[in-house]
Amino acid sequence: MEKRSRILIIDDDPDIVQALRLTLQQEYEVFAAENGHEGLRQIPKVNPDLIILDVMMETETEGFQVSLALRGPDPAPELKPYARVPILMLTAIHQKTPLRFAPDADYLPVDDFVEKPVKPTVLLAKVKKLLGQ
């Protein structure tokens, strides 16, 4: 049996998590964390092949903080092995605030973005691309 890729969703909206899970679970093992702190604790346990990370959770920039905790200049020792795990940032921030951003190695170290509401075909295409499928 072929090993299925593992995806960790970090998002505080249970409806979004459920929609993502339904879209992904046919092809991938799906895990979830309801905020950035829980997500960072789950990463070593889940050993994900991809992280889908919401921007706005407990704060408007919590997702940014999680990406920097993983890929910043001084990640915690338990997170260092996961610094190269692809991150797909899930966001509605462009609809809710005037903030504009793009992937940036120093300030926003993520691999790609997808806007909410997420279309299943767009999500699957981005996931496959990031996983090299």
Protein backbone atom coordinates (compact mmCIF):
# COMPACT_ATOMS: atom_id res chain seq x y z
CA MET A 1 0.00 0.00 0.00
CA GLU A 2 1.31 3.42 -0.98
CA LYS A 3 2.02 5.92 1.81
CA ARG A 4 -0.42 8.81 1.75
CA SER A 5 0.90 12.31 2.28
CA ARG A 6 0.04 13.91 5.61
CA ILE A 7 -1.52 17.38 5.72
CA LEU A 8 -1.87 19.48 8.86
CA ILE A 9 -4.56 22.17 8.72
CA ILE A 10 -4.10 25.00 11.22
CA ASP A 11 -7.32 27.04 11.29
CA ASP A 12 -9.67 28.22 14.04
CA ASP A 13 -12.85 27.91 11.95
CA PRO A 14 -14.30 24.40 12.33
CA ASP A 15 -16.43 24.83 9.20
CA ILE A 16 -13.38 25.66 7.08
CA VAL A 17 -11.47 22.73 8.59
CA GLN A 18 -14.35 20.38 7.79
CA ALA A 19 -14.64 21.66 4.21
CA LEU A 20 -10.89 21.25 3.67
CA ARG A 21 -10.95 17.81 5.26
CA LEU A 22 -13.78 16.65 2.99
CA THR A 23 -11.89 17.89 -0.07
CA LEU A 24 -8.57 16.31 0.91
CA GLN A 25 -9.32 13.12 2.82
CA GLN A 26 -9.83 10.94 -0.25
CA GLU A 27 -6.18 11.34 -1.22
CA TYR A 28 -4.40 12.44 1.95
CA GLU A 29 -4.21 11.85 5.69
CA VAL A 30 -5.62 15.01 7.23
CA PHE A 31 -4.94 16.39 10.71
CA ALA A 32 -6.11 19.64 12.27
CA ALA A 33 -5.15 22.16 14.94
CA GLU A 34 -7.45 24.98 16.02
CA ASN A 35 -4.81 27.68 16.55
CA GLY A 36 -1.17 28.48 15.98
CA HIS A 37 0.06 27.30 19.36
CA GLU A 38 -1.65 23.92 18.97
CA GLY A 39 -0.40 23.71 15.39
CA LEU A 40 3.21 24.20 16.45
CA ARG A 41 2.78 21.48 19.09
CA GLN A 42 1.18 19.13 16.53
CA ILE A 43 3.86 19.48 13.85
CA PRO A 44 6.40 17.10 15.46
CA LYS A 45 3.62 14.62 16.32
CA VAL A 46 1.98 14.62 12.87
CA ASN A 47 5.18 14.95 10.80
CA PRO A 48 3.25 16.64 7.97
CA ASP A 49 4.23 16.69 4.31
CA LEU A 50 2.27 19.95 3.92
CA ILE A 51 0.81 22.57 6.25
CA ILE A 52 -2.32 24.55 5.36
CA LEU A 53 -2.16 27.62 7.58
CA ASP A 54 -4.81 30.27 8.18
CA VAL A 55 -3.62 33.87 8.63
CA MET A 56 -6.20 35.27 11.05
CA MET A 57 -6.92 33.18 14.11
CA GLU A 58 -6.59 34.48 17.68
CA THR A 59 -4.82 37.53 16.20
CA GLU A 60 -4.93 39.03 12.71
CA THR A 61 -1.39 37.83 12.01
CA GLU A 62 -1.14 34.55 13.92
CA GLY A 63 -0.44 32.59 10.75
CA PHE A 64 2.51 34.87 9.97
CA GLN A 65 3.88 34.17 13.44
CA VAL A 66 3.54 30.41 12.94
CA SER A 67 5.38 30.54 9.60
CA LEU A 68 8.19 32.56 11.21
CA ALA A 69 8.38 30.13 14.14
CA LEU A 70 9.01 27.35 11.60
CA ARG A 71 11.20 29.14 9.10
CA GLY A 72 12.62 32.11 10.93
CA PRO A 73 16.33 32.48 11.71
CA ASP A 74 16.10 30.68 15.06
CA PRO A 75 13.37 28.01 15.15
CA ALA A 76 12.88 25.95 18.29
CA PRO A 77 14.97 22.75 18.18
CA GLU A 78 11.88 20.53 17.89
CA LEU A 79 10.70 22.52 14.84
CA LYS A 80 14.00 22.68 12.90
CA PRO A 81 13.39 19.35 11.09
CA TYR A 82 10.14 20.79 9.66
CA ALA A 83 11.49 24.09 8.29
CA ARG A 84 11.23 22.84 4.70
CA VAL A 85 7.68 21.50 4.94
CA PRO A 86 5.65 23.40 2.32
CA ILE A 87 3.19 25.93 3.73
CA LEU A 88 0.00 26.87 1.89
CA MET A 89 -1.38 30.00 3.51
CA LEU A 90 -5.16 30.20 3.61
CA THR A 91 -6.50 33.71 3.89
CA ALA A 92 -9.46 36.03 3.78
CA ILE A 93 -7.36 38.92 5.06
CA HIS A 94 -7.48 40.71 1.71
CA GLN A 95 -11.28 40.82 2.03
CA LYS A 96 -11.25 42.05 5.64
CA THR A 97 -8.32 44.46 5.87
CA PRO A 98 -6.28 46.72 3.58
CA LEU A 99 -3.18 44.56 4.24
CA ARG A 100 -1.54 43.11 1.12
CA PHE A 101 1.24 40.55 1.19
CA ALA A 102 3.05 37.90 -0.80
CA PRO A 103 5.47 35.10 0.04
CA ASP A 104 8.77 36.53 1.26
CA ALA A 105 11.69 34.51 2.61
CA ASP A 106 12.38 36.98 5.43
CA TYR A 107 8.98 38.32 6.42
CA LEU A 108 6.42 35.78 5.25
CA PRO A 109 8.12 32.45 4.60
CA VAL A 110 5.31 30.49 2.96
CA ASP A 111 5.17 28.73 -0.41
CA ASP A 112 1.79 29.75 -1.78
CA PHE A 113 -1.55 31.36 -0.95
CA VAL A 114 -5.16 30.43 -1.49
CA GLU A 115 -8.02 32.87 -0.88
CA LYS A 116 -11.13 32.00 1.11
CA PRO A 117 -13.66 30.84 0.15
CA VAL A 118 -11.58 28.02 -1.26
CA LYS A 119 -12.68 26.25 -4.42
CA PRO A 120 -11.94 22.51 -4.08
CA THR A 121 -10.33 22.31 -7.53
CA VAL A 122 -8.00 25.23 -6.73
CA LEU A 123 -7.11 23.74 -3.34
CA LEU A 124 -6.32 20.32 -4.81
CA ALA A 125 -4.22 21.82 -7.60
CA LYS A 126 -2.13 23.87 -5.15
CA VAL A 127 -1.73 20.93 -2.76
CA LYS A 128 -0.58 18.63 -5.56
CA LYS A 129 1.86 21.26 -6.83
CA LEU A 130 3.37 21.82 -3.38
CA LEU A 131 3.67 18.09 -2.78
CA GLY A 132 5.34 17.64 -6.17
CA GLN A 133 2.59 15.41 -7.52
